[in-house]
Amino acid sequence: MPSSGAKVGAASKRGVFRAGVSKAVAGAALAGATAGLFYAYKVESLDVEVSSVALLLPLLSREFDGYRIAQISDIHMDGWMTFDRLSKLAK
């Protein structure tokens, strides 16, 4: 028998506190992960930067006068960033 006078099987204050803290930490981790996914898929994916740069290439053949070059980088093609979605962003 416990000498502290506590009932056998009764939840201690420390145990209840630990369980509450564990649930709070797990909830905060889940909220952080959800916020990170939202930012990655809904906010950052629409952050498209377009920069125009004029180049003078004296050795380039005149046949290419007026051509435009597009450079796209850091594209993560997956189930969410499909070719169709990328095509819409490129327009």
C-alpha atoms as a PDB file:
ATOM      1  CA  MET A   1       0.000   0.000   0.000  1.00  0.00           C
ATOM      2  CA  PRO A   2       1.228   3.493  -0.814  1.00  0.00           C
ATOM      3  CA  SER A   3       2.349   5.406   2.235  1.00  0.00           C
ATOM      4  CA  SER A   4       1.405   8.822   0.803  1.00  0.00           C
ATOM      5  CA  GLY A   5      -2.305   8.207   1.200  1.00  0.00           C
ATOM      6  CA  ALA A   6      -2.957   8.275  -2.564  1.00  0.00           C
ATOM      7  CA  LYS A   7      -5.589   5.933  -3.914  1.00  0.00           C
ATOM      8  CA  VAL A   8      -4.318   3.000  -5.935  1.00  0.00           C
ATOM      9  CA  GLY A   9      -5.111   3.573  -9.624  1.00  0.00           C
ATOM     10  CA  ALA A  10      -5.964   7.240  -9.168  1.00  0.00           C
ATOM     11  CA  ALA A  11      -4.342   9.652 -11.646  1.00  0.00           C
ATOM     12  CA  SER A  12      -1.704  11.817 -10.053  1.00  0.00           C
ATOM     13  CA  LYS A  13      -1.502  15.540 -10.723  1.00  0.00           C
ATOM     14  CA  ARG A  14       1.921  15.021 -12.322  1.00  0.00           C
ATOM     15  CA  GLY A  15       0.573  12.320 -14.652  1.00  0.00           C
ATOM     16  CA  VAL A  16      -2.365  14.472 -15.710  1.00  0.00           C
ATOM     17  CA  PHE A  17      -0.008  17.417 -16.304  1.00  0.00           C
ATOM     18  CA  ARG A  18       2.369  15.292 -18.395  1.00  0.00           C
ATOM     19  CA  ALA A  19      -0.497  13.966 -20.506  1.00  0.00           C
ATOM     20  CA  GLY A  20      -1.778  17.505 -21.076  1.00  0.00           C
ATOM     21  CA  VAL A  21       1.678  18.778 -22.050  1.00  0.00           C
ATOM     22  CA  SER A  22       2.173  15.833 -24.418  1.00  0.00           C
ATOM     23  CA  LYS A  23      -1.140  16.562 -26.134  1.00  0.00           C
ATOM     24  CA  ALA A  24      -0.315  20.277 -26.381  1.00  0.00           C
ATOM     25  CA  VAL A  25       3.095  19.562 -27.929  1.00  0.00           C
ATOM     26  CA  ALA A  26       1.589  17.092 -30.405  1.00  0.00           C
ATOM     27  CA  GLY A  27      -1.119  19.614 -31.331  1.00  0.00           C
ATOM     28  CA  ALA A  28       1.449  22.385 -31.855  1.00  0.00           C
ATOM     29  CA  ALA A  29       3.559  20.099 -34.053  1.00  0.00           C
ATOM     30  CA  LEU A  30       0.519  19.175 -36.139  1.00  0.00           C
ATOM     31  CA  ALA A  31      -0.492  22.835 -36.489  1.00  0.00           C
ATOM     32  CA  GLY A  32       3.041  23.783 -37.547  1.00  0.00           C
ATOM     33  CA  ALA A  33       3.193  21.014 -40.146  1.00  0.00           C
ATOM     34  CA  THR A  34      -0.216  22.004 -41.512  1.00  0.00           C
ATOM     35  CA  ALA A  35       0.796  25.660 -41.752  1.00  0.00           C
ATOM     36  CA  GLY A  36       4.026  24.683 -43.530  1.00  0.00           C
ATOM     37  CA  LEU A  37       2.180  22.580 -46.090  1.00  0.00           C
ATOM     38  CA  PHE A  38      -0.358  25.342 -46.681  1.00  0.00           C
ATOM     39  CA  TYR A  39       2.430  27.862 -47.288  1.00  0.00           C
ATOM     40  CA  ALA A  40       4.322  25.530 -49.622  1.00  0.00           C
ATOM     41  CA  TYR A  41       1.323  24.594 -51.750  1.00  0.00           C
ATOM     42  CA  LYS A  42      -0.869  27.712 -51.696  1.00  0.00           C
ATOM     43  CA  VAL A  43       1.394  30.714 -51.104  1.00  0.00           C
ATOM     44  CA  GLU A  44       4.912  29.978 -52.301  1.00  0.00           C
ATOM     45  CA  SER A  45       3.744  28.195 -55.444  1.00  0.00           C
ATOM     46  CA  LEU A  46       2.131  31.415 -56.668  1.00  0.00           C
ATOM     47  CA  ASP A  47       5.229  33.496 -55.933  1.00  0.00           C
ATOM     48  CA  VAL A  48       6.513  33.708 -59.501  1.00  0.00           C
ATOM     49  CA  GLU A  49       9.264  36.188 -60.289  1.00  0.00           C
ATOM     50  CA  VAL A  50       9.638  37.461 -63.844  1.00  0.00           C
ATOM     51  CA  SER A  51      12.773  39.380 -64.772  1.00  0.00           C
ATOM     52  CA  SER A  52      13.556  40.824 -68.180  1.00  0.00           C
ATOM     53  CA  VAL A  53      17.191  41.102 -69.187  1.00  0.00           C
ATOM     54  CA  ALA A  54      18.357  42.638 -72.457  1.00  0.00           C
ATOM     55  CA  LEU A  55      21.512  41.042 -73.851  1.00  0.00           C
ATOM     56  CA  LEU A  56      23.780  42.326 -76.560  1.00  0.00           C
ATOM     57  CA  LEU A  57      25.524  39.368 -78.201  1.00  0.00           C
ATOM     58  CA  PRO A  58      27.537  40.739 -81.120  1.00  0.00           C
ATOM     59  CA  LEU A  59      28.646  37.294 -82.327  1.00  0.00           C
ATOM     60  CA  LEU A  60      25.121  35.877 -82.446  1.00  0.00           C
ATOM     61  CA  SER A  61      23.716  35.473 -85.955  1.00  0.00           C
ATOM     62  CA  ARG A  62      21.086  38.040 -87.004  1.00  0.00           C
ATOM     63  CA  GLU A  63      18.700  35.130 -87.654  1.00  0.00           C
ATOM     64  CA  PHE A  64      18.095  35.070 -83.918  1.00  0.00           C
ATOM     65  CA  ASP A  65      17.273  38.792 -83.645  1.00  0.00           C
ATOM     66  CA  GLY A  66      14.027  39.157 -81.687  1.00  0.00           C
ATOM     67  CA  TYR A  67      14.115  35.678 -80.134  1.00  0.00           C
ATOM     68  CA  ARG A  68      13.179  35.422 -76.489  1.00  0.00           C
ATOM     69  CA  ILE A  69      14.609  32.918 -74.046  1.00  0.00           C
ATOM     70  CA  ALA A  70      12.834  31.747 -70.910  1.00  0.00           C
ATOM     71  CA  GLN A  71      14.692  30.150 -68.023  1.00  0.00           C
ATOM     72  CA  ILE A  72      12.620  28.349 -65.418  1.00  0.00           C
ATOM     73  CA  SER A  73      14.225  26.950 -62.295  1.00  0.00           C
ATOM     74  CA  ASP A  74      13.449  25.264 -59.006  1.00  0.00           C
ATOM     75  CA  ILE A  75      10.358  23.453 -60.257  1.00  0.00           C
ATOM     76  CA  HIS A  76       9.332  20.459 -58.168  1.00  0.00           C
ATOM     77  CA  MET A  77       7.165  18.383 -60.492  1.00  0.00           C
ATOM     78  CA  ASP A  78       4.915  16.041 -58.534  1.00  0.00           C
ATOM     79  CA  GLY A  79       1.248  15.168 -58.219  1.00  0.00           C
ATOM     80  CA  TRP A  80       0.421  18.754 -57.289  1.00  0.00           C
ATOM     81  CA  MET A  81       2.695  20.696 -59.696  1.00  0.00           C
ATOM     82  CA  THR A  82       1.600  19.110 -62.937  1.00  0.00           C
ATOM     83  CA  PHE A  83       2.632  20.079 -66.459  1.00  0.00           C
ATOM     84  CA  ASP A  84      -0.784  21.705 -66.956  1.00  0.00           C
ATOM     85  CA  ARG A  85      -0.379  23.858 -63.825  1.00  0.00           C
ATOM     86  CA  LEU A  86       3.163  24.823 -64.846  1.00  0.00           C
ATOM     87  CA  SER A  87       1.913  25.792 -68.314  1.00  0.00           C
ATOM     88  CA  LYS A  88      -0.694  28.109 -66.765  1.00  0.00           C
ATOM     89  CA  LEU A  89       1.943  29.761 -64.566  1.00  0.00           C
ATOM     90  CA  ALA A  90       4.254  30.239 -67.559  1.00  0.00           C
ATOM     91  CA  LYS A  91       1.595  32.194 -69.464  1.00  0.00           C
END
